[in-house]
Amino acid sequence: YSNGQRLRELSNLYLEDATYLRIEDLTAGYTFSNLFSARKGSLRLYAGAANLFTLTNYSGSDPAPDASYNETGIDEFNVYPLARTYYIGLKLKL
């Protein structure tokens, strides 16, 4: 007891390795420059993916610590998993 408050006992009983390798965003593109002879226009094509994969042996939903809320290392089970997103794009400059 400290100042009338009960101290928490810390235990590593349920502690597990949370190391991971993650690709959060991967984009590839190509720019076609001087597309129009009269103007210096360009065309850029690109494609990518967000939250492509996470390699880990962690049994929880997400091995990355959430610094804004979860400082105790205890998993929150009321959160959605990370969504994988694919995208393509076209940018035309005249």
N, C-alpha and C. Protein backbone atom coordinates (compact mmCIF):
# COMPACT_ATOMS: atom_id res chain seq x y z
N TYR A 1 0.84 -1.19 0.00
CA TYR A 1 0.00 0.00 0.00
C TYR A 1 0.87 1.24 0.00
N SER A 2 0.49 2.21 -0.79
CA SER A 2 1.23 3.46 -0.87
C SER A 2 0.24 4.60 -0.77
N ASN A 3 0.36 5.40 0.27
CA ASN A 3 -0.55 6.52 0.51
C ASN A 3 -2.01 6.07 0.53
N GLY A 4 -2.25 4.93 1.06
CA GLY A 4 -3.62 4.44 1.17
C GLY A 4 -4.15 3.81 -0.11
N GLN A 5 -3.36 3.79 -1.19
CA GLN A 5 -3.80 3.21 -2.45
C GLN A 5 -3.12 1.86 -2.63
N ARG A 6 -3.84 0.94 -3.20
CA ARG A 6 -3.29 -0.39 -3.43
C ARG A 6 -2.46 -0.39 -4.70
N LEU A 7 -1.26 -0.93 -4.64
CA LEU A 7 -0.40 -1.02 -5.81
C LEU A 7 -0.75 -2.27 -6.62
N ARG A 8 -0.69 -2.14 -7.92
CA ARG A 8 -0.93 -3.29 -8.79
C ARG A 8 0.29 -4.19 -8.77
N GLU A 9 0.03 -5.47 -8.78
CA GLU A 9 1.11 -6.43 -8.95
C GLU A 9 1.29 -6.69 -10.43
N LEU A 10 2.51 -6.56 -10.90
CA LEU A 10 2.80 -6.82 -12.30
C LEU A 10 3.23 -8.27 -12.47
N SER A 11 2.78 -8.87 -13.55
CA SER A 11 3.11 -10.26 -13.80
C SER A 11 3.41 -10.43 -15.29
N ASN A 12 4.28 -11.35 -15.62
CA ASN A 12 4.55 -11.66 -17.02
C ASN A 12 3.94 -13.00 -17.43
N LEU A 13 2.93 -13.43 -16.70
CA LEU A 13 2.30 -14.71 -16.96
C LEU A 13 1.75 -14.80 -18.39
N TYR A 14 1.10 -13.75 -18.86
CA TYR A 14 0.50 -13.74 -20.19
C TYR A 14 1.30 -12.91 -21.18
N LEU A 15 2.52 -12.61 -20.89
CA LEU A 15 3.36 -11.81 -21.76
C LEU A 15 3.79 -12.63 -22.96
N GLU A 16 3.71 -12.04 -24.15
CA GLU A 16 4.16 -12.73 -25.34
C GLU A 16 4.91 -11.76 -26.25
N ASP A 17 5.66 -12.32 -27.16
CA ASP A 17 6.48 -11.54 -28.09
C ASP A 17 5.57 -10.85 -29.10
N ALA A 18 5.70 -9.55 -29.22
CA ALA A 18 4.86 -8.79 -30.15
C ALA A 18 5.67 -8.16 -31.26
N THR A 19 6.80 -8.77 -31.62
CA THR A 19 7.56 -8.24 -32.75
C THR A 19 6.79 -8.50 -34.03
N TYR A 20 6.92 -7.58 -34.99
CA TYR A 20 6.18 -7.73 -36.24
C TYR A 20 6.88 -6.99 -37.37
N LEU A 21 6.54 -7.36 -38.57
CA LEU A 21 6.97 -6.69 -39.79
C LEU A 21 5.70 -6.37 -40.57
N ARG A 22 5.54 -5.10 -40.91
CA ARG A 22 4.29 -4.68 -41.56
C ARG A 22 4.60 -3.76 -42.73
N ILE A 23 3.89 -3.95 -43.82
CA ILE A 23 3.91 -2.99 -44.92
C ILE A 23 2.58 -2.25 -44.84
N GLU A 24 2.66 -0.99 -44.42
CA GLU A 24 1.44 -0.19 -44.26
C GLU A 24 0.97 0.41 -45.57
N ASP A 25 1.91 0.84 -46.42
CA ASP A 25 1.51 1.48 -47.67
C ASP A 25 2.57 1.20 -48.73
N LEU A 26 2.13 0.75 -49.89
CA LEU A 26 3.03 0.46 -51.00
C LEU A 26 2.40 1.03 -52.26
N THR A 27 3.12 1.92 -52.94
CA THR A 27 2.62 2.56 -54.15
C THR A 27 3.67 2.47 -55.24
N ALA A 28 3.23 2.16 -56.45
CA ALA A 28 4.11 2.14 -57.62
C ALA A 28 3.43 2.93 -58.72
N GLY A 29 4.22 3.71 -59.44
CA GLY A 29 3.65 4.51 -60.50
C GLY A 29 4.66 4.85 -61.56
N TYR A 30 4.15 5.38 -62.66
CA TYR A 30 5.01 5.82 -63.75
C TYR A 30 4.45 7.10 -64.32
N THR A 31 5.35 8.04 -64.63
CA THR A 31 4.95 9.32 -65.22
C THR A 31 5.41 9.38 -66.66
N PHE A 32 4.46 9.62 -67.56
CA PHE A 32 4.75 9.84 -68.97
C PHE A 32 4.87 11.35 -69.15
N SER A 33 6.08 11.85 -69.34
CA SER A 33 6.27 13.30 -69.46
C SER A 33 6.29 13.71 -70.93
N ASN A 34 6.09 15.02 -71.18
CA ASN A 34 6.03 15.60 -72.54
C ASN A 34 5.07 14.81 -73.42
N LEU A 35 3.91 14.58 -72.87
CA LEU A 35 2.91 13.77 -73.58
C LEU A 35 2.34 14.50 -74.79
N PHE A 36 2.18 15.79 -74.66
CA PHE A 36 1.61 16.60 -75.74
C PHE A 36 2.73 17.47 -76.31
N SER A 37 2.86 17.53 -77.64
CA SER A 37 3.96 18.26 -78.26
C SER A 37 3.81 19.78 -78.09
N ALA A 38 2.61 20.29 -78.08
CA ALA A 38 2.41 21.74 -77.96
C ALA A 38 2.58 22.22 -76.52
N ARG A 39 2.28 21.39 -75.56
CA ARG A 39 2.38 21.75 -74.14
C ARG A 39 3.31 20.78 -73.42
N LYS A 40 3.73 21.16 -72.25
CA LYS A 40 4.55 20.26 -71.45
C LYS A 40 3.66 19.52 -70.46
N GLY A 41 2.76 18.75 -70.98
CA GLY A 41 1.84 18.00 -70.13
C GLY A 41 2.43 16.65 -69.75
N SER A 42 1.80 16.05 -68.76
CA SER A 42 2.26 14.72 -68.33
C SER A 42 1.07 13.90 -67.84
N LEU A 43 1.29 12.63 -67.82
CA LEU A 43 0.28 11.69 -67.34
C LEU A 43 0.95 10.76 -66.36
N ARG A 44 0.37 10.63 -65.18
CA ARG A 44 0.91 9.72 -64.16
C ARG A 44 -0.12 8.64 -63.85
N LEU A 45 0.30 7.40 -63.94
CA LEU A 45 -0.52 6.24 -63.58
C LEU A 45 0.11 5.61 -62.34
N TYR A 46 -0.72 5.23 -61.38
CA TYR A 46 -0.19 4.61 -60.17
C TYR A 46 -1.20 3.63 -59.60
N ALA A 47 -0.67 2.70 -58.81
CA ALA A 47 -1.50 1.71 -58.12
C ALA A 47 -0.82 1.40 -56.79
N GLY A 48 -1.62 1.00 -55.84
CA GLY A 48 -1.03 0.70 -54.54
C GLY A 48 -1.98 -0.05 -53.63
N ALA A 49 -1.47 -0.31 -52.45
CA ALA A 49 -2.25 -1.01 -51.43
C ALA A 49 -1.87 -0.47 -50.06
N ALA A 50 -2.84 -0.44 -49.16
CA ALA A 50 -2.62 -0.03 -47.78
C ALA A 50 -2.89 -1.22 -46.87
N ASN A 51 -2.08 -1.36 -45.81
CA ASN A 51 -2.16 -2.50 -44.89
C ASN A 51 -2.06 -3.82 -45.63
N LEU A 52 -1.00 -3.92 -46.40
CA LEU A 52 -0.82 -5.07 -47.28
C LEU A 52 -0.65 -6.36 -46.51
N PHE A 53 0.26 -6.39 -45.53
CA PHE A 53 0.39 -7.58 -44.70
C PHE A 53 1.13 -7.26 -43.42
N THR A 54 0.96 -8.15 -42.43
CA THR A 54 1.67 -8.08 -41.16
C THR A 54 2.16 -9.49 -40.83
N LEU A 55 3.46 -9.62 -40.64
CA LEU A 55 4.04 -10.90 -40.25
C LEU A 55 4.34 -10.87 -38.76
N THR A 56 3.72 -11.77 -37.99
CA THR A 56 3.92 -11.82 -36.56
C THR A 56 3.46 -13.15 -36.00
N ASN A 57 3.95 -13.50 -34.84
CA ASN A 57 3.45 -14.66 -34.11
C ASN A 57 2.54 -14.23 -32.96
N TYR A 58 2.25 -12.96 -32.89
CA TYR A 58 1.41 -12.41 -31.84
C TYR A 58 -0.02 -12.92 -31.98
N SER A 59 -0.64 -13.35 -30.91
CA SER A 59 -1.98 -13.93 -30.99
C SER A 59 -3.09 -12.89 -30.90
N GLY A 60 -2.76 -11.66 -30.56
CA GLY A 60 -3.78 -10.61 -30.44
C GLY A 60 -4.19 -10.06 -31.79
N SER A 61 -5.04 -9.04 -31.77
CA SER A 61 -5.56 -8.49 -33.01
C SER A 61 -4.54 -7.62 -33.74
N ASP A 62 -3.71 -6.87 -33.02
CA ASP A 62 -2.74 -5.99 -33.65
C ASP A 62 -1.52 -5.87 -32.75
N PRO A 63 -0.33 -6.23 -33.24
CA PRO A 63 0.85 -6.17 -32.38
C PRO A 63 1.39 -4.77 -32.16
N ALA A 64 0.96 -3.81 -32.96
CA ALA A 64 1.47 -2.43 -32.83
C ALA A 64 0.85 -1.78 -31.60
N PRO A 65 1.67 -1.15 -30.77
CA PRO A 65 1.10 -0.48 -29.59
C PRO A 65 0.36 0.78 -29.97
N ASP A 66 -0.74 1.02 -29.33
CA ASP A 66 -1.52 2.24 -29.53
C ASP A 66 -1.11 3.22 -28.45
N ALA A 67 -0.23 4.15 -28.80
CA ALA A 67 0.35 5.05 -27.82
C ALA A 67 -0.68 6.00 -27.21
N SER A 68 -1.76 6.26 -27.92
CA SER A 68 -2.73 7.22 -27.40
C SER A 68 -3.61 6.62 -26.31
N TYR A 69 -3.77 5.31 -26.29
CA TYR A 69 -4.69 4.72 -25.31
C TYR A 69 -4.09 3.55 -24.53
N ASN A 70 -3.56 2.58 -25.24
CA ASN A 70 -3.18 1.32 -24.63
C ASN A 70 -1.73 1.36 -24.15
N GLU A 71 -1.48 1.85 -22.99
CA GLU A 71 -0.13 1.91 -22.45
C GLU A 71 0.18 0.71 -21.56
N THR A 72 -0.82 -0.09 -21.25
CA THR A 72 -0.62 -1.21 -20.34
C THR A 72 -0.20 -2.48 -21.05
N GLY A 73 -0.34 -2.54 -22.37
CA GLY A 73 -0.02 -3.75 -23.10
C GLY A 73 -1.14 -4.75 -23.10
N ILE A 74 -2.32 -4.37 -22.65
CA ILE A 74 -3.47 -5.26 -22.63
C ILE A 74 -4.27 -5.04 -23.91
N ASP A 75 -4.59 -6.13 -24.62
CA ASP A 75 -5.34 -6.01 -25.86
C ASP A 75 -6.75 -5.49 -25.61
N GLU A 76 -7.20 -4.71 -26.56
CA GLU A 76 -8.60 -4.26 -26.58
C GLU A 76 -9.31 -5.11 -27.62
N PHE A 77 -10.38 -5.77 -27.22
CA PHE A 77 -11.06 -6.68 -28.13
C PHE A 77 -12.29 -6.06 -28.79
N ASN A 78 -12.52 -4.79 -28.57
CA ASN A 78 -13.68 -4.14 -29.17
C ASN A 78 -13.26 -3.20 -30.30
N VAL A 79 -12.19 -3.53 -31.00
CA VAL A 79 -11.72 -2.70 -32.11
C VAL A 79 -11.77 -3.52 -33.40
N TYR A 80 -11.93 -2.82 -34.50
CA TYR A 80 -11.96 -3.48 -35.80
C TYR A 80 -10.54 -3.78 -36.26
N PRO A 81 -10.33 -4.87 -36.97
CA PRO A 81 -8.99 -5.14 -37.52
C PRO A 81 -8.68 -4.16 -38.65
N LEU A 82 -7.42 -4.02 -38.98
CA LEU A 82 -7.02 -3.12 -40.05
C LEU A 82 -7.54 -3.63 -41.39
N ALA A 83 -8.13 -2.75 -42.16
CA ALA A 83 -8.68 -3.12 -43.46
C ALA A 83 -7.60 -3.02 -44.53
N ARG A 84 -7.57 -3.96 -45.42
CA ARG A 84 -6.66 -3.90 -46.56
C ARG A 84 -7.37 -3.13 -47.66
N THR A 85 -6.68 -2.17 -48.26
CA THR A 85 -7.27 -1.30 -49.27
C THR A 85 -6.39 -1.28 -50.51
N TYR A 86 -6.99 -1.40 -51.67
CA TYR A 86 -6.28 -1.30 -52.94
C TYR A 86 -6.78 -0.06 -53.67
N TYR A 87 -5.88 0.60 -54.38
CA TYR A 87 -6.28 1.79 -55.11
C TYR A 87 -5.47 1.95 -56.40
N ILE A 88 -6.08 2.62 -57.36
CA ILE A 88 -5.41 2.96 -58.61
C ILE A 88 -5.70 4.42 -58.87
N GLY A 89 -4.82 5.08 -59.62
CA GLY A 89 -5.00 6.50 -59.87
C GLY A 89 -4.45 6.94 -61.20
N LEU A 90 -4.93 8.08 -61.63
CA LEU A 90 -4.54 8.70 -62.89
C LEU A 90 -4.45 10.19 -62.61
N LYS A 91 -3.32 10.80 -62.97
CA LYS A 91 -3.16 12.25 -62.78
C LYS A 91 -2.70 12.82 -64.11
N LEU A 92 -3.49 13.75 -64.62
CA LEU A 92 -3.23 14.38 -65.92
C LEU A 92 -2.88 15.83 -65.69
N LYS A 93 -1.72 16.23 -66.18
CA LYS A 93 -1.27 17.62 -66.06
C LYS A 93 -1.17 18.20 -67.46
N LEU A 94 -1.91 19.27 -67.71
CA LEU A 94 -1.89 19.89 -69.05
C LEU A 94 -1.03 21.12 -69.10
